[in-house]
Amino acid sequence: MGDRRIKPLFPGSPRRLVIRVANAAYNLACYQSQLGALEGAWRWLGYAMDKADPKEIKLKALDDPHLEPLWRRIGELGDK
């Protein structure tokens, strides 16, 4: 009859899925920033920080020229 087991939509551990979601949110923040939609970029960046290590995301964002319009605001976050 064949294999009828349900295959996972995202293979791998749940942590791996969370990292993929955080990366997608970070990339959307970059796109929004480049389009001048800074509030949308800020929301996506916040979502990425909620899903992954906020310090890691903050350091990455402060080094990413795509997010330069948000650098001051990101810098004001402190050690979150």
C-alpha atoms as a PDB file:
ATOM      1  CA  MET A   1       0.000   0.000   0.000  1.00  0.00           C
ATOM      2  CA  GLY A   2       2.863   2.431   0.427  1.00  0.00           C
ATOM      3  CA  ASP A   3       4.010   4.641   3.220  1.00  0.00           C
ATOM      4  CA  ARG A   4       1.074   6.560   4.678  1.00  0.00           C
ATOM      5  CA  ARG A   5       2.941   8.310   7.484  1.00  0.00           C
ATOM      6  CA  ILE A   6       2.535  12.055   7.577  1.00  0.00           C
ATOM      7  CA  LYS A   7       5.743  13.788   6.639  1.00  0.00           C
ATOM      8  CA  PRO A   8       6.708  16.897   8.577  1.00  0.00           C
ATOM      9  CA  LEU A   9       6.213  20.191   6.817  1.00  0.00           C
ATOM     10  CA  PHE A  10       9.562  21.429   8.151  1.00  0.00           C
ATOM     11  CA  PRO A  11      11.992  18.583   8.751  1.00  0.00           C
ATOM     12  CA  GLY A  12      14.307  18.923  11.730  1.00  0.00           C
ATOM     13  CA  SER A  13      13.944  20.005  15.289  1.00  0.00           C
ATOM     14  CA  PRO A  14      11.411  22.580  16.481  1.00  0.00           C
ATOM     15  CA  ARG A  15      14.358  24.851  17.387  1.00  0.00           C
ATOM     16  CA  ARG A  16      15.467  24.765  13.761  1.00  0.00           C
ATOM     17  CA  LEU A  17      12.004  25.915  12.699  1.00  0.00           C
ATOM     18  CA  VAL A  18      12.113  28.800  15.180  1.00  0.00           C
ATOM     19  CA  ILE A  19      15.477  29.885  13.766  1.00  0.00           C
ATOM     20  CA  ARG A  20      14.052  29.792  10.226  1.00  0.00           C
ATOM     21  CA  VAL A  21      11.083  31.917  11.320  1.00  0.00           C
ATOM     22  CA  ALA A  22      13.424  34.415  13.011  1.00  0.00           C
ATOM     23  CA  ASN A  23      15.575  34.621   9.872  1.00  0.00           C
ATOM     24  CA  ALA A  24      12.518  35.203   7.705  1.00  0.00           C
ATOM     25  CA  ALA A  25      11.319  37.980  10.035  1.00  0.00           C
ATOM     26  CA  TYR A  26      14.794  39.558  10.014  1.00  0.00           C
ATOM     27  CA  ASN A  27      14.868  39.509   6.213  1.00  0.00           C
ATOM     28  CA  LEU A  28      11.416  41.094   6.060  1.00  0.00           C
ATOM     29  CA  ALA A  29      12.702  43.831   8.385  1.00  0.00           C
ATOM     30  CA  CYS A  30      15.537  44.474   5.929  1.00  0.00           C
ATOM     31  CA  TYR A  31      13.156  44.659   2.968  1.00  0.00           C
ATOM     32  CA  GLN A  32      10.775  46.982   4.782  1.00  0.00           C
ATOM     33  CA  SER A  33      13.637  49.235   5.835  1.00  0.00           C
ATOM     34  CA  GLN A  34      14.924  49.497   2.284  1.00  0.00           C
ATOM     35  CA  LEU A  35      11.432  50.411   1.099  1.00  0.00           C
ATOM     36  CA  GLY A  36      11.240  53.186   3.687  1.00  0.00           C
ATOM     37  CA  ALA A  37       8.550  51.424   5.723  1.00  0.00           C
ATOM     38  CA  LEU A  38      10.458  51.874   8.981  1.00  0.00           C
ATOM     39  CA  GLU A  39       7.607  51.044  11.381  1.00  0.00           C
ATOM     40  CA  GLY A  40       7.009  47.786   9.530  1.00  0.00           C
ATOM     41  CA  ALA A  41      10.731  47.074   9.616  1.00  0.00           C
ATOM     42  CA  TRP A  42      10.784  47.763  13.352  1.00  0.00           C
ATOM     43  CA  ARG A  43       7.894  45.343  13.956  1.00  0.00           C
ATOM     44  CA  TRP A  44       9.560  42.560  11.939  1.00  0.00           C
ATOM     45  CA  LEU A  45      12.844  43.128  13.729  1.00  0.00           C
ATOM     46  CA  GLY A  46      11.037  42.909  17.067  1.00  0.00           C
ATOM     47  CA  TYR A  47       9.427  39.655  15.970  1.00  0.00           C
ATOM     48  CA  ALA A  48      12.849  38.261  15.029  1.00  0.00           C
ATOM     49  CA  MET A  49      14.161  39.262  18.455  1.00  0.00           C
ATOM     50  CA  ASP A  50      11.224  37.516  20.130  1.00  0.00           C
ATOM     51  CA  LYS A  51      11.932  34.278  18.263  1.00  0.00           C
ATOM     52  CA  ALA A  52      15.733  34.186  18.532  1.00  0.00           C
ATOM     53  CA  ASP A  53      18.482  35.486  20.788  1.00  0.00           C
ATOM     54  CA  PRO A  54      17.768  39.244  21.003  1.00  0.00           C
ATOM     55  CA  LYS A  55      21.420  40.145  21.615  1.00  0.00           C
ATOM     56  CA  GLU A  56      22.493  38.201  18.535  1.00  0.00           C
ATOM     57  CA  ILE A  57      19.802  39.829  16.387  1.00  0.00           C
ATOM     58  CA  LYS A  58      20.692  43.285  17.713  1.00  0.00           C
ATOM     59  CA  LEU A  59      24.401  42.862  16.927  1.00  0.00           C
ATOM     60  CA  LYS A  60      23.590  41.525  13.469  1.00  0.00           C
ATOM     61  CA  ALA A  61      21.193  44.417  12.807  1.00  0.00           C
ATOM     62  CA  LEU A  62      23.709  47.055  13.917  1.00  0.00           C
ATOM     63  CA  ASP A  63      26.154  45.662  11.360  1.00  0.00           C
ATOM     64  CA  ASP A  64      23.637  45.372   8.508  1.00  0.00           C
ATOM     65  CA  PRO A  65      23.562  48.365   6.132  1.00  0.00           C
ATOM     66  CA  HIS A  66      20.021  47.427   5.081  1.00  0.00           C
ATOM     67  CA  LEU A  67      18.870  48.381   8.568  1.00  0.00           C
ATOM     68  CA  GLU A  68      20.898  51.579   8.849  1.00  0.00           C
ATOM     69  CA  PRO A  69      17.755  53.752   9.099  1.00  0.00           C
ATOM     70  CA  LEU A  70      16.956  51.894  12.344  1.00  0.00           C
ATOM     71  CA  TRP A  71      20.447  51.854  13.887  1.00  0.00           C
ATOM     72  CA  ARG A  72      19.796  54.656  16.379  1.00  0.00           C
ATOM     73  CA  ARG A  73      16.558  53.073  17.534  1.00  0.00           C
ATOM     74  CA  ILE A  74      18.202  49.634  17.771  1.00  0.00           C
ATOM     75  CA  GLY A  75      21.074  51.125  19.775  1.00  0.00           C
ATOM     76  CA  GLU A  76      18.587  52.509  22.292  1.00  0.00           C
ATOM     77  CA  LEU A  77      17.395  49.011  23.151  1.00  0.00           C
ATOM     78  CA  GLY A  78      20.194  48.505  25.659  1.00  0.00           C
ATOM     79  CA  ASP A  79      21.178  44.954  26.541  1.00  0.00           C
ATOM     80  CA  LYS A  80      17.961  43.196  25.667  1.00  0.00           C
END
